[in-house]
Amino acid sequence: QVMAVNLNSVYYVTKALLPTLIERNGGRIINIASIASKVGARYTAAYTASKHGVLGLTRSLALEMIPYWITVNAICPGFFKTKMAAVLIETLGEDKMAAHAPLKRIGDDEDFGDLVD
């Protein structure tokens, strides 16, 4: 289920949109991967594998789409306040989780919005 949601969905949406972008001779695809796709994380093997797949798909597709003036990029956010993260934040504590982040805090929706604008 994790692969279907995190990786297959990205593949199928991209596959559906590419003909239109190629016909227009340009466009942008921005995928959401995760910092876990670059460094891994304990107890998240399926999640990490799925997000690593998104990153691999993005990198390959970026090279394939050069002739069509289509850019393909991935955003690899760190830890954000999400429903998925709520249990971990509650268990370990927000301060402990934030201590490992470069800005010493957990990201929220406002941090993310401008990245894909």
PDB file of N, CA and C in Angstrom:
ATOM      1  N   GLN A   1       0.828  -1.192   0.000  1.00  0.00           N
ATOM      2  CA  GLN A   1       0.000   0.000   0.000  1.00  0.00           C
ATOM      3  C   GLN A   1       0.875   1.260   0.000  1.00  0.00           C
ATOM      4  N   VAL A   2       1.967   1.241   0.732  1.00  0.00           N
ATOM      5  CA  VAL A   2       2.863   2.398   0.773  1.00  0.00           C
ATOM      6  C   VAL A   2       3.439   2.671  -0.616  1.00  0.00           C
ATOM      7  N   MET A   3       3.846   1.634  -1.309  1.00  0.00           N
ATOM      8  CA  MET A   3       4.379   1.804  -2.670  1.00  0.00           C
ATOM      9  C   MET A   3       3.306   2.347  -3.609  1.00  0.00           C
ATOM     10  N   ALA A   4       2.092   1.840  -3.487  1.00  0.00           N
ATOM     11  CA  ALA A   4       0.995   2.288  -4.355  1.00  0.00           C
ATOM     12  C   ALA A   4       0.721   3.773  -4.160  1.00  0.00           C
ATOM     13  N   VAL A   5       0.688   4.212  -2.905  1.00  0.00           N
ATOM     14  CA  VAL A   5       0.375   5.613  -2.617  1.00  0.00           C
ATOM     15  C   VAL A   5       1.547   6.525  -2.963  1.00  0.00           C
ATOM     16  N   ASN A   6       2.733   6.173  -2.524  1.00  0.00           N
ATOM     17  CA  ASN A   6       3.869   7.088  -2.651  1.00  0.00           C
ATOM     18  C   ASN A   6       4.600   7.031  -3.985  1.00  0.00           C
ATOM     19  N   LEU A   7       4.665   5.877  -4.614  1.00  0.00           N
ATOM     20  CA  LEU A   7       5.437   5.752  -5.849  1.00  0.00           C
ATOM     21  C   LEU A   7       4.552   5.537  -7.068  1.00  0.00           C
ATOM     22  N   ASN A   8       3.690   4.548  -7.021  1.00  0.00           N
ATOM     23  CA  ASN A   8       2.867   4.246  -8.197  1.00  0.00           C
ATOM     24  C   ASN A   8       1.993   5.437  -8.578  1.00  0.00           C
ATOM     25  N   SER A   9       1.463   6.139  -7.604  1.00  0.00           N
ATOM     26  CA  SER A   9       0.611   7.291  -7.905  1.00  0.00           C
ATOM     27  C   SER A   9       1.387   8.356  -8.677  1.00  0.00           C
ATOM     28  N   VAL A  10       2.620   8.604  -8.287  1.00  0.00           N
ATOM     29  CA  VAL A  10       3.463   9.582  -8.983  1.00  0.00           C
ATOM     30  C   VAL A  10       3.708   9.122 -10.419  1.00  0.00           C
ATOM     31  N   TYR A  11       3.999   7.843 -10.575  1.00  0.00           N
ATOM     32  CA  TYR A  11       4.241   7.292 -11.908  1.00  0.00           C
ATOM     33  C   TYR A  11       3.010   7.443 -12.808  1.00  0.00           C
ATOM     34  N   TYR A  12       1.844   7.051 -12.308  1.00  0.00           N
ATOM     35  CA  TYR A  12       0.636   7.078 -13.138  1.00  0.00           C
ATOM     36  C   TYR A  12       0.171   8.499 -13.471  1.00  0.00           C
ATOM     37  N   VAL A  13       0.281   9.416 -12.530  1.00  0.00           N
ATOM     38  CA  VAL A  13      -0.083  10.804 -12.821  1.00  0.00           C
ATOM     39  C   VAL A  13       0.875  11.385 -13.851  1.00  0.00           C
ATOM     40  N   THR A  14       2.151  11.123 -13.690  1.00  0.00           N
ATOM     41  CA  THR A  14       3.147  11.607 -14.655  1.00  0.00           C
ATOM     42  C   THR A  14       2.885  11.015 -16.031  1.00  0.00           C
ATOM     43  N   LYS A  15       2.629   9.732 -16.079  1.00  0.00           N
ATOM     44  CA  LYS A  15       2.358   9.061 -17.352  1.00  0.00           C
ATOM     45  C   LYS A  15       1.136   9.672 -18.044  1.00  0.00           C
ATOM     46  N   ALA A  16       0.131  10.036 -17.272  1.00  0.00           N
ATOM     47  CA  ALA A  16      -1.080  10.626 -17.837  1.00  0.00           C
ATOM     48  C   ALA A  16      -0.838  12.052 -18.349  1.00  0.00           C
ATOM     49  N   LEU A  17       0.022  12.804 -17.670  1.00  0.00           N
ATOM     50  CA  LEU A  17       0.246  14.205 -18.040  1.00  0.00           C
ATOM     51  C   LEU A  17       1.298  14.414 -19.125  1.00  0.00           C
ATOM     52  N   LEU A  18       2.227  13.502 -19.257  1.00  0.00           N
ATOM     53  CA  LEU A  18       3.344  13.702 -20.187  1.00  0.00           C
ATOM     54  C   LEU A  18       2.928  13.968 -21.624  1.00  0.00           C
ATOM     55  N   PRO A  19       1.963  13.253 -22.182  1.00  0.00           N
ATOM     56  CA  PRO A  19       1.602  13.561 -23.571  1.00  0.00           C
ATOM     57  C   PRO A  19       1.197  15.024 -23.783  1.00  0.00           C
ATOM     58  N   THR A  20       0.466  15.591 -22.848  1.00  0.00           N
ATOM     59  CA  THR A  20       0.055  16.995 -22.952  1.00  0.00           C
ATOM     60  C   THR A  20       1.257  17.918 -22.855  1.00  0.00           C
ATOM     61  N   LEU A  21       2.155  17.643 -21.913  1.00  0.00           N
ATOM     62  CA  LEU A  21       3.346  18.486 -21.756  1.00  0.00           C
ATOM     63  C   LEU A  21       4.256  18.385 -22.976  1.00  0.00           C
ATOM     64  N   ILE A  22       4.399  17.198 -23.514  1.00  0.00           N
ATOM     65  CA  ILE A  22       5.230  17.007 -24.713  1.00  0.00           C
ATOM     66  C   ILE A  22       4.615  17.745 -25.893  1.00  0.00           C
ATOM     67  N   GLU A  23       3.305  17.657 -26.036  1.00  0.00           N
ATOM     68  CA  GLU A  23       2.607  18.356 -27.118  1.00  0.00           C
ATOM     69  C   GLU A  23       2.789  19.870 -27.000  1.00  0.00           C
ATOM     70  N   ARG A  24       2.768  20.377 -25.766  1.00  0.00           N
ATOM     71  CA  ARG A  24       2.961  21.814 -25.522  1.00  0.00           C
ATOM     72  C   ARG A  24       4.420  22.224 -25.654  1.00  0.00           C
ATOM     73  N   ASN A  25       5.301  21.222 -25.728  1.00  0.00           N
ATOM     74  CA  ASN A  25       6.748  21.453 -25.796  1.00  0.00           C
ATOM     75  C   ASN A  25       7.248  22.263 -24.603  1.00  0.00           C
ATOM     76  N   GLY A  26       6.822  21.830 -23.404  1.00  0.00           N
ATOM     77  CA  GLY A  26       7.317  22.477 -22.197  1.00  0.00           C
ATOM     78  C   GLY A  26       6.402  22.267 -21.017  1.00  0.00           C
ATOM     79  N   GLY A  27       6.969  22.427 -19.850  1.00  0.00           N
ATOM     80  CA  GLY A  27       6.202  22.302 -18.635  1.00  0.00           C
ATOM     81  C   GLY A  27       7.086  21.952 -17.465  1.00  0.00           C
ATOM     82  N   ARG A  28       6.451  21.761 -16.337  1.00  0.00           N
ATOM     83  CA  ARG A  28       7.173  21.452 -15.111  1.00  0.00           C
ATOM     84  C   ARG A  28       6.465  20.339 -14.365  1.00  0.00           C
ATOM     85  N   ILE A  29       7.255  19.416 -13.874  1.00  0.00           N
ATOM     86  CA  ILE A  29       6.764  18.365 -12.993  1.00  0.00           C
ATOM     87  C   ILE A  29       7.547  18.506 -11.698  1.00  0.00           C
ATOM     88  N   ILE A  30       6.841  18.632 -10.597  1.00  0.00           N
ATOM     89  CA  ILE A  30       7.489  18.728  -9.293  1.00  0.00           C
ATOM     90  C   ILE A  30       6.948  17.596  -8.427  1.00  0.00           C
ATOM     91  N   ASN A  31       7.810  16.663  -8.095  1.00  0.00           N
ATOM     92  CA  ASN A  31       7.443  15.525  -7.257  1.00  0.00           C
ATOM     93  C   ASN A  31       7.853  15.785  -5.811  1.00  0.00           C
ATOM     94  N   ILE A  32       7.116  15.185  -4.907  1.00  0.00           N
ATOM     95  CA  ILE A  32       7.448  15.304  -3.490  1.00  0.00           C
ATOM     96  C   ILE A  32       8.050  13.983  -3.038  1.00  0.00           C
ATOM     97  N   ALA A  33       9.339  14.003  -2.754  1.00  0.00           N
ATOM     98  CA  ALA A  33      10.024  12.827  -2.230  1.00  0.00           C
ATOM     99  C   ALA A  33      10.128  13.013  -0.711  1.00  0.00           C
ATOM    100  N   SER A  34      11.291  12.837  -0.166  1.00  0.00           N
ATOM    101  CA  SER A  34      11.496  12.980   1.275  1.00  0.00           C
ATOM    102  C   SER A  34      12.988  12.982   1.553  1.00  0.00           C
ATOM    103  N   ILE A  35      13.367  13.571   2.648  1.00  0.00           N
ATOM    104  CA  ILE A  35      14.768  13.469   3.065  1.00  0.00           C
ATOM    105  C   ILE A  35      15.141  12.006   3.277  1.00  0.00           C
ATOM    106  N   ALA A  36      14.148  11.194   3.619  1.00  0.00           N
ATOM    107  CA  ALA A  36      14.399   9.757   3.796  1.00  0.00           C
ATOM    108  C   ALA A  36      14.858   9.107   2.490  1.00  0.00           C
ATOM    109  N   SER A  37      14.484   9.690   1.357  1.00  0.00           N
ATOM    110  CA  SER A  37      14.916   9.127   0.074  1.00  0.00           C
ATOM    111  C   SER A  37      16.400   9.353  -0.164  1.00  0.00           C
ATOM    112  N   LYS A  38      16.993  10.249   0.579  1.00  0.00           N
ATOM    113  CA  LYS A  38      18.416  10.538   0.426  1.00  0.00           C
ATOM    114  C   LYS A  38      19.269   9.930   1.537  1.00  0.00           C
ATOM    115  N   VAL A  39      18.712   9.834   2.757  1.00  0.00           N
ATOM    116  CA  VAL A  39      19.517   9.365   3.881  1.00  0.00           C
ATOM    117  C   VAL A  39      18.950   8.146   4.590  1.00  0.00           C
ATOM    118  N   GLY A  40      17.715   7.791   4.300  1.00  0.00           N
ATOM    119  CA  GLY A  40      17.102   6.660   4.994  1.00  0.00           C
ATOM    120  C   GLY A  40      16.686   7.031   6.404  1.00  0.00           C
ATOM    121  N   ALA A  41      15.916   6.160   6.997  1.00  0.00           N
ATOM    122  CA  ALA A  41      15.460   6.385   8.364  1.00  0.00           C
ATOM    123  C   ALA A  41      15.094   5.035   8.978  1.00  0.00           C
ATOM    124  N   ARG A  42      15.381   4.876  10.236  1.00  0.00           N
ATOM    125  CA  ARG A  42      15.057   3.617  10.913  1.00  0.00           C
ATOM    126  C   ARG A  42      13.552   3.389  10.953  1.00  0.00           C
ATOM    127  N   TYR A  43      13.186   2.127  10.853  1.00  0.00           N
ATOM    128  CA  TYR A  43      11.789   1.689  10.988  1.00  0.00           C
ATOM    129  C   TYR A  43      10.864   2.231   9.900  1.00  0.00           C
ATOM    130  N   THR A  44      11.433   2.648   8.783  1.00  0.00           N
ATOM    131  CA  THR A  44      10.618   3.198   7.691  1.00  0.00           C
ATOM    132  C   THR A  44      11.024   2.606   6.346  1.00  0.00           C
ATOM    133  N   ALA A  45      11.341   1.331   6.314  1.00  0.00           N
ATOM    134  CA  ALA A  45      11.880   0.729   5.093  1.00  0.00           C
ATOM    135  C   ALA A  45      10.958   0.908   3.886  1.00  0.00           C
ATOM    136  N   ALA A  46       9.685   0.612   4.024  1.00  0.00           N
ATOM    137  CA  ALA A  46       8.764   0.736   2.886  1.00  0.00           C
ATOM    138  C   ALA A  46       8.620   2.196   2.463  1.00  0.00           C
ATOM    139  N   TYR A  47       8.463   3.077   3.436  1.00  0.00           N
ATOM    140  CA  TYR A  47       8.345   4.511   3.140  1.00  0.00           C
ATOM    141  C   TYR A  47       9.608   5.019   2.446  1.00  0.00           C
ATOM    142  N   THR A  48      10.763   4.689   3.011  1.00  0.00           N
ATOM    143  CA  THR A  48      12.026   5.143   2.438  1.00  0.00           C
ATOM    144  C   THR A  48      12.209   4.603   1.030  1.00  0.00           C
ATOM    145  N   ALA A  49      11.903   3.332   0.824  1.00  0.00           N
ATOM    146  CA  ALA A  49      12.025   2.736  -0.512  1.00  0.00           C
ATOM    147  C   ALA A  49      11.094   3.422  -1.505  1.00  0.00           C
ATOM    148  N   SER A  50       9.874   3.713  -1.078  1.00  0.00           N
ATOM    149  CA  SER A  50       8.921   4.355  -1.989  1.00  0.00           C
ATOM    150  C   SER A  50       9.378   5.758  -2.367  1.00  0.00           C
ATOM    151  N   LYS A  51       9.884   6.501  -1.416  1.00  0.00           N
ATOM    152  CA  LYS A  51      10.336   7.861  -1.693  1.00  0.00           C
ATOM    153  C   LYS A  51      11.649   7.859  -2.483  1.00  0.00           C
ATOM    154  N   HIS A  52      12.490   6.852  -2.253  1.00  0.00           N
ATOM    155  CA  HIS A  52      13.700   6.707  -3.060  1.00  0.00           C
ATOM    156  C   HIS A  52      13.312   6.415  -4.511  1.00  0.00           C
ATOM    157  N   GLY A  53      12.250   5.641  -4.688  1.00  0.00           N
ATOM    158  CA  GLY A  53      11.733   5.381  -6.026  1.00  0.00           C
ATOM    159  C   GLY A  53      11.268   6.660  -6.706  1.00  0.00           C
ATOM    160  N   VAL A  54      10.600   7.537  -5.965  1.00  0.00           N
ATOM    161  CA  VAL A  54      10.164   8.822  -6.512  1.00  0.00           C
ATOM    162  C   VAL A  54      11.379   9.636  -6.951  1.00  0.00           C
ATOM    163  N   LEU A  55      12.410   9.634  -6.144  1.00  0.00           N
ATOM    164  CA  LEU A  55      13.620  10.380  -6.477  1.00  0.00           C
ATOM    165  C   LEU A  55      14.292   9.798  -7.717  1.00  0.00           C
ATOM    166  N   GLY A  56      14.372   8.482  -7.805  1.00  0.00           N
ATOM    167  CA  GLY A  56      14.954   7.841  -8.983  1.00  0.00           C
ATOM    168  C   GLY A  56      14.144   8.114 -10.240  1.00  0.00           C
ATOM    169  N   LEU A  57      12.828   8.012 -10.140  1.00  0.00           N
ATOM    170  CA  LEU A  57      11.945   8.319 -11.262  1.00  0.00           C
ATOM    171  C   LEU A  57      12.150   9.759 -11.714  1.00  0.00           C
ATOM    172  N   THR A  58      12.227  10.666 -10.767  1.00  0.00           N
ATOM    173  CA  THR A  58      12.413  12.082 -11.068  1.00  0.00           C
ATOM    174  C   THR A  58      13.724  12.320 -11.795  1.00  0.00           C
ATOM    175  N   ARG A  59      14.795  11.741 -11.305  1.00  0.00           N
ATOM    176  CA  ARG A  59      16.110  11.951 -11.917  1.00  0.00           C
ATOM    177  C   ARG A  59      16.161  11.414 -13.342  1.00  0.00           C
ATOM    178  N   SER A  60      15.631  10.227 -13.548  1.00  0.00           N
ATOM    179  CA  SER A  60      15.648   9.639 -14.893  1.00  0.00           C
ATOM    180  C   SER A  60      14.766  10.428 -15.851  1.00  0.00           C
ATOM    181  N   LEU A  61      13.574  10.758 -15.395  1.00  0.00           N
ATOM    182  CA  LEU A  61      12.637  11.488 -16.242  1.00  0.00           C
ATOM    183  C   LEU A  61      13.172  12.884 -16.580  1.00  0.00           C
ATOM    184  N   ALA A  62      13.873  13.506 -15.647  1.00  0.00           N
ATOM    185  CA  ALA A  62      14.454  14.826 -15.908  1.00  0.00           C
ATOM    186  C   ALA A  62      15.376  14.769 -17.117  1.00  0.00           C
ATOM    187  N   LEU A  63      16.174  13.728 -17.207  1.00  0.00           N
ATOM    188  CA  LEU A  63      17.085  13.580 -18.344  1.00  0.00           C
ATOM    189  C   LEU A  63      16.339  13.258 -19.634  1.00  0.00           C
ATOM    190  N   GLU A  64      15.304  12.429 -19.537  1.00  0.00           N
ATOM    191  CA  GLU A  64      14.534  12.035 -20.714  1.00  0.00           C
ATOM    192  C   GLU A  64      13.724  13.194 -21.294  1.00  0.00           C
ATOM    193  N   MET A  65      13.338  14.147 -20.471  1.00  0.00           N
ATOM    194  CA  MET A  65      12.454  15.223 -20.914  1.00  0.00           C
ATOM    195  C   MET A  65      13.185  16.469 -21.407  1.00  0.00           C
ATOM    196  N   ILE A  66      14.500  16.461 -21.366  1.00  0.00           N
ATOM    197  CA  ILE A  66      15.276  17.618 -21.836  1.00  0.00           C
ATOM    198  C   ILE A  66      14.883  18.036 -23.246  1.00  0.00           C
ATOM    199  N   PRO A  67      14.752  17.117 -24.201  1.00  0.00           N
ATOM    200  CA  PRO A  67      14.410  17.549 -25.569  1.00  0.00           C
ATOM    201  C   PRO A  67      13.042  18.220 -25.697  1.00  0.00           C
ATOM    202  N   TYR A  68      12.181  18.028 -24.715  1.00  0.00           N
ATOM    203  CA  TYR A  68      10.827  18.581 -24.760  1.00  0.00           C
ATOM    204  C   TYR A  68      10.664  19.833 -23.903  1.00  0.00           C
ATOM    205  N   TRP A  69      11.751  20.343 -23.362  1.00  0.00           N
ATOM    206  CA  TRP A  69      11.729  21.528 -22.513  1.00  0.00           C
ATOM    207  C   TRP A  69      10.826  21.346 -21.299  1.00  0.00           C
ATOM    208  N   ILE A  70      10.828  20.135 -20.767  1.00  0.00           N
ATOM    209  CA  ILE A  70      10.055  19.821 -19.566  1.00  0.00           C
ATOM    210  C   ILE A  70      11.054  19.607 -18.432  1.00  0.00           C
ATOM    211  N   THR A  71      10.919  20.378 -17.369  1.00  0.00           N
ATOM    212  CA  THR A  71      11.783  20.169 -16.215  1.00  0.00           C
ATOM    213  C   THR A  71      11.078  19.245 -15.228  1.00  0.00           C
ATOM    214  N   VAL A  72      11.856  18.385 -14.622  1.00  0.00           N
ATOM    215  CA  VAL A  72      11.324  17.434 -13.643  1.00  0.00           C
ATOM    216  C   VAL A  72      12.216  17.519 -12.411  1.00  0.00           C
ATOM    217  N   ASN A  73      11.621  17.903 -11.289  1.00  0.00           N
ATOM    218  CA  ASN A  73      12.369  18.081 -10.052  1.00  0.00           C
ATOM    219  C   ASN A  73      11.638  17.421  -8.892  1.00  0.00           C
ATOM    220  N   ALA A  74      12.374  17.197  -7.831  1.00  0.00           N
ATOM    221  CA  ALA A  74      11.782  16.638  -6.614  1.00  0.00           C
ATOM    222  C   ALA A  74      12.160  17.518  -5.429  1.00  0.00           C
ATOM    223  N   ILE A  75      11.220  17.666  -4.549  1.00  0.00           N
ATOM    224  CA  ILE A  75      11.455  18.333  -3.276  1.00  0.00           C
ATOM    225  C   ILE A  75      11.605  17.225  -2.238  1.00  0.00           C
ATOM    226  N   CYS A  76      12.636  17.303  -1.424  1.00  0.00           N
ATOM    227  CA  CYS A  76      12.913  16.275  -0.411  1.00  0.00           C
ATOM    228  C   CYS A  76      12.852  16.907   0.974  1.00  0.00           C
ATOM    229  N   PRO A  77      11.637  17.156   1.458  1.00  0.00           N
ATOM    230  CA  PRO A  77      11.518  17.826   2.756  1.00  0.00           C
ATOM    231  C   PRO A  77      11.960  16.955   3.913  1.00  0.00           C
ATOM    232  N   GLY A  78      12.340  17.608   4.967  1.00  0.00           N
ATOM    233  CA  GLY A  78      12.654  16.924   6.210  1.00  0.00           C
ATOM    234  C   GLY A  78      11.379  16.643   6.979  1.00  0.00           C
ATOM    235  N   PHE A  79      11.455  16.717   8.287  1.00  0.00           N
ATOM    236  CA  PHE A  79      10.330  16.354   9.145  1.00  0.00           C
ATOM    237  C   PHE A  79       9.300  17.474   9.198  1.00  0.00           C
ATOM    238  N   PHE A  80       8.043  17.140   8.916  1.00  0.00           N
ATOM    239  CA  PHE A  80       6.937  18.094   8.931  1.00  0.00           C
ATOM    240  C   PHE A  80       5.836  17.601   9.849  1.00  0.00           C
ATOM    241  N   LYS A  81       5.050  18.521  10.342  1.00  0.00           N
ATOM    242  CA  LYS A  81       3.889  18.168  11.170  1.00  0.00           C
ATOM    243  C   LYS A  81       2.791  17.630  10.255  1.00  0.00           C
ATOM    244  N   THR A  82       2.645  16.325  10.248  1.00  0.00           N
ATOM    245  CA  THR A  82       1.623  15.661   9.454  1.00  0.00           C
ATOM    246  C   THR A  82       0.915  14.635  10.320  1.00  0.00           C
ATOM    247  N   LYS A  83      -0.173  14.093   9.804  1.00  0.00           N
ATOM    248  CA  LYS A  83      -0.864  13.029  10.525  1.00  0.00           C
ATOM    249  C   LYS A  83       0.063  11.831  10.707  1.00  0.00           C
ATOM    250  N   MET A  84       0.840  11.539   9.667  1.00  0.00           N
ATOM    251  CA  MET A  84       1.758  10.406   9.735  1.00  0.00           C
ATOM    252  C   MET A  84       2.812  10.609  10.832  1.00  0.00           C
ATOM    253  N   ALA A  85       3.252  11.827  11.008  1.00  0.00           N
ATOM    254  CA  ALA A  85       4.308  12.120  11.982  1.00  0.00           C
ATOM    255  C   ALA A  85       3.782  12.319  13.395  1.00  0.00           C
ATOM    256  N   ALA A  86       2.486  12.476  13.539  1.00  0.00           N
ATOM    257  CA  ALA A  86       1.903  12.809  14.844  1.00  0.00           C
ATOM    258  C   ALA A  86       2.273  11.808  15.935  1.00  0.00           C
ATOM    259  N   VAL A  87       2.232  10.534  15.610  1.00  0.00           N
ATOM    260  CA  VAL A  87       2.544   9.509  16.612  1.00  0.00           C
ATOM    261  C   VAL A  87       3.999   9.617  17.047  1.00  0.00           C
ATOM    262  N   LEU A  88       4.883   9.814  16.093  1.00  0.00           N
ATOM    263  CA  LEU A  88       6.303   9.931  16.415  1.00  0.00           C
ATOM    264  C   LEU A  88       6.580  11.187  17.233  1.00  0.00           C
ATOM    265  N   ILE A  89       5.961  12.265  16.860  1.00  0.00           N
ATOM    266  CA  ILE A  89       6.131  13.512  17.620  1.00  0.00           C
ATOM    267  C   ILE A  89       5.615  13.337  19.043  1.00  0.00           C
ATOM    268  N   GLU A  90       4.468  12.690  19.167  1.00  0.00           N
ATOM    269  CA  GLU A  90       3.892  12.460  20.498  1.00  0.00           C
ATOM    270  C   GLU A  90       4.763  11.522  21.326  1.00  0.00           C
ATOM    271  N   THR A  91       5.302  10.506  20.693  1.00  0.00           N
ATOM    272  CA  THR A  91       6.110   9.519  21.400  1.00  0.00           C
ATOM    273  C   THR A  91       7.458  10.084  21.825  1.00  0.00           C
ATOM    274  N   LEU A  92       8.140  10.734  20.907  1.00  0.00           N
ATOM    275  CA  LEU A  92       9.490  11.232  21.192  1.00  0.00           C
ATOM    276  C   LEU A  92       9.519  12.654  21.721  1.00  0.00           C
ATOM    277  N   GLY A  93       8.492  13.412  21.410  1.00  0.00           N
ATOM    278  CA  GLY A  93       8.456  14.805  21.820  1.00  0.00           C
ATOM    279  C   GLY A  93       8.931  15.715  20.701  1.00  0.00           C
ATOM    280  N   GLU A  94       8.221  16.801  20.510  1.00  0.00           N
ATOM    281  CA  GLU A  94       8.545  17.726  19.423  1.00  0.00           C
ATOM    282  C   GLU A  94       9.932  18.328  19.585  1.00  0.00           C
ATOM    283  N   ASP A  95      10.320  18.655  20.809  1.00  0.00           N
ATOM    284  CA  ASP A  95      11.643  19.244  21.034  1.00  0.00           C
ATOM    285  C   ASP A  95      12.762  18.291  20.623  1.00  0.00           C
ATOM    286  N   LYS A  96      12.594  17.025  20.944  1.00  0.00           N
ATOM    287  CA  LYS A  96      13.619  16.036  20.592  1.00  0.00           C
ATOM    288  C   LYS A  96      13.717  15.860  19.075  1.00  0.00           C
ATOM    289  N   MET A  97      12.566  15.842  18.416  1.00  0.00           N
ATOM    290  CA  MET A  97      12.563  15.716  16.963  1.00  0.00           C
ATOM    291  C   MET A  97      13.169  16.956  16.315  1.00  0.00           C
ATOM    292  N   ALA A  98      12.825  18.122  16.812  1.00  0.00           N
ATOM    293  CA  ALA A  98      13.306  19.372  16.245  1.00  0.00           C
ATOM    294  C   ALA A  98      14.805  19.548  16.440  1.00  0.00           C
ATOM    295  N   ALA A  99      15.353  18.962  17.472  1.00  0.00           N
ATOM    296  CA  ALA A  99      16.788  19.103  17.754  1.00  0.00           C
ATOM    297  C   ALA A  99      17.653  18.600  16.611  1.00  0.00           C
ATOM    298  N   HIS A 100      17.121  17.686  15.785  1.00  0.00           N
ATOM    299  CA  HIS A 100      17.887  17.117  14.671  1.00  0.00           C
ATOM    300  C   HIS A 100      17.710  17.898  13.369  1.00  0.00           C
ATOM    301  N   ALA A 101      16.820  18.866  13.356  1.00  0.00           N
ATOM    302  CA  ALA A 101      16.552  19.647  12.145  1.00  0.00           C
ATOM    303  C   ALA A 101      17.504  20.832  12.060  1.00  0.00           C
ATOM    304  N   PRO A 102      17.908  21.219  10.858  1.00  0.00           N
ATOM    305  CA  PRO A 102      18.821  22.359  10.704  1.00  0.00           C
ATOM    306  C   PRO A 102      18.296  23.644  11.334  1.00  0.00           C
ATOM    307  N   LEU A 103      16.987  23.893  11.228  1.00  0.00           N
ATOM    308  CA  LEU A 103      16.412  25.107  11.819  1.00  0.00           C
ATOM    309  C   LEU A 103      15.940  24.894  13.248  1.00  0.00           C
ATOM    310  N   LYS A 104      16.183  23.698  13.780  1.00  0.00           N
ATOM    311  CA  LYS A 104      15.810  23.350  15.159  1.00  0.00           C
ATOM    312  C   LYS A 104      14.306  23.451  15.412  1.00  0.00           C
ATOM    313  N   ARG A 105      13.541  23.146  14.375  1.00  0.00           N
ATOM    314  CA  ARG A 105      12.095  23.082  14.501  1.00  0.00           C
ATOM    315  C   ARG A 105      11.542  22.143  13.441  1.00  0.00           C
ATOM    316  N   ILE A 106      10.328  21.692  13.657  1.00  0.00           N
ATOM    317  CA  ILE A 106       9.651  20.828  12.703  1.00  0.00           C
ATOM    318  C   ILE A 106       8.888  21.716  11.734  1.00  0.00           C
ATOM    319  N   GLY A 107       8.922  21.373  10.465  1.00  0.00           N
ATOM    320  CA  GLY A 107       8.258  22.171   9.449  1.00  0.00           C
ATOM    321  C   GLY A 107       6.744  22.125   9.552  1.00  0.00           C
ATOM    322  N   ASP A 108       6.105  23.157   8.991  1.00  0.00           N
ATOM    323  CA  ASP A 108       4.641  23.174   8.930  1.00  0.00           C
ATOM    324  C   ASP A 108       4.211  23.575   7.512  1.00  0.00           C
ATOM    325  N   ASP A 109       2.910  23.641   7.296  1.00  0.00           N
ATOM    326  CA  ASP A 109       2.368  23.918   5.960  1.00  0.00           C
ATOM    327  C   ASP A 109       2.921  25.196   5.341  1.00  0.00           C
ATOM    328  N   GLU A 110       3.072  26.225   6.133  1.00  0.00           N
ATOM    329  CA  GLU A 110       3.552  27.496   5.601  1.00  0.00           C
ATOM    330  C   GLU A 110       4.968  27.387   5.035  1.00  0.00           C
ATOM    331  N   ASP A 111       5.776  26.514   5.601  1.00  0.00           N
ATOM    332  CA  ASP A 111       7.137  26.325   5.109  1.00  0.00           C
ATOM    333  C   ASP A 111       7.134  25.716   3.711  1.00  0.00           C
ATOM    334  N   PHE A 112       6.119  24.947   3.416  1.00  0.00           N
ATOM    335  CA  PHE A 112       6.091  24.163   2.192  1.00  0.00           C
ATOM    336  C   PHE A 112       5.514  24.897   1.005  1.00  0.00           C
ATOM    337  N   GLY A 113       4.572  25.786   1.236  1.00  0.00           N
ATOM    338  CA  GLY A 113       3.805  26.406   0.163  1.00  0.00           C
ATOM    339  C   GLY A 113       4.620  27.064  -0.935  1.00  0.00           C
ATOM    340  N   ASP A 114       5.590  27.859  -0.601  1.00  0.00           N
ATOM    341  CA  ASP A 114       6.337  28.612  -1.606  1.00  0.00           C
ATOM    342  C   ASP A 114       7.243  27.726  -2.471  1.00  0.00           C
ATOM    343  N   LEU A 115       7.526  26.523  -2.043  1.00  0.00           N
ATOM    344  CA  LEU A 115       8.415  25.654  -2.811  1.00  0.00           C
ATOM    345  C   LEU A 115       7.827  25.251  -4.151  1.00  0.00           C
ATOM    346  N   VAL A 116       6.513  25.149  -4.236  1.00  0.00           N
ATOM    347  CA  VAL A 116       5.887  24.678  -5.465  1.00  0.00           C
ATOM    348  C   VAL A 116       5.033  25.742  -6.132  1.00  0.00           C
ATOM    349  N   ASP A 117       5.150  26.967  -5.704  1.00  0.00           N
ATOM    350  CA  ASP A 117       4.350  28.058  -6.247  1.00  0.00           C
ATOM    351  C   ASP A 117       4.766  28.419  -7.650  1.00  0.00           C
TER     352      ASP A 117
END
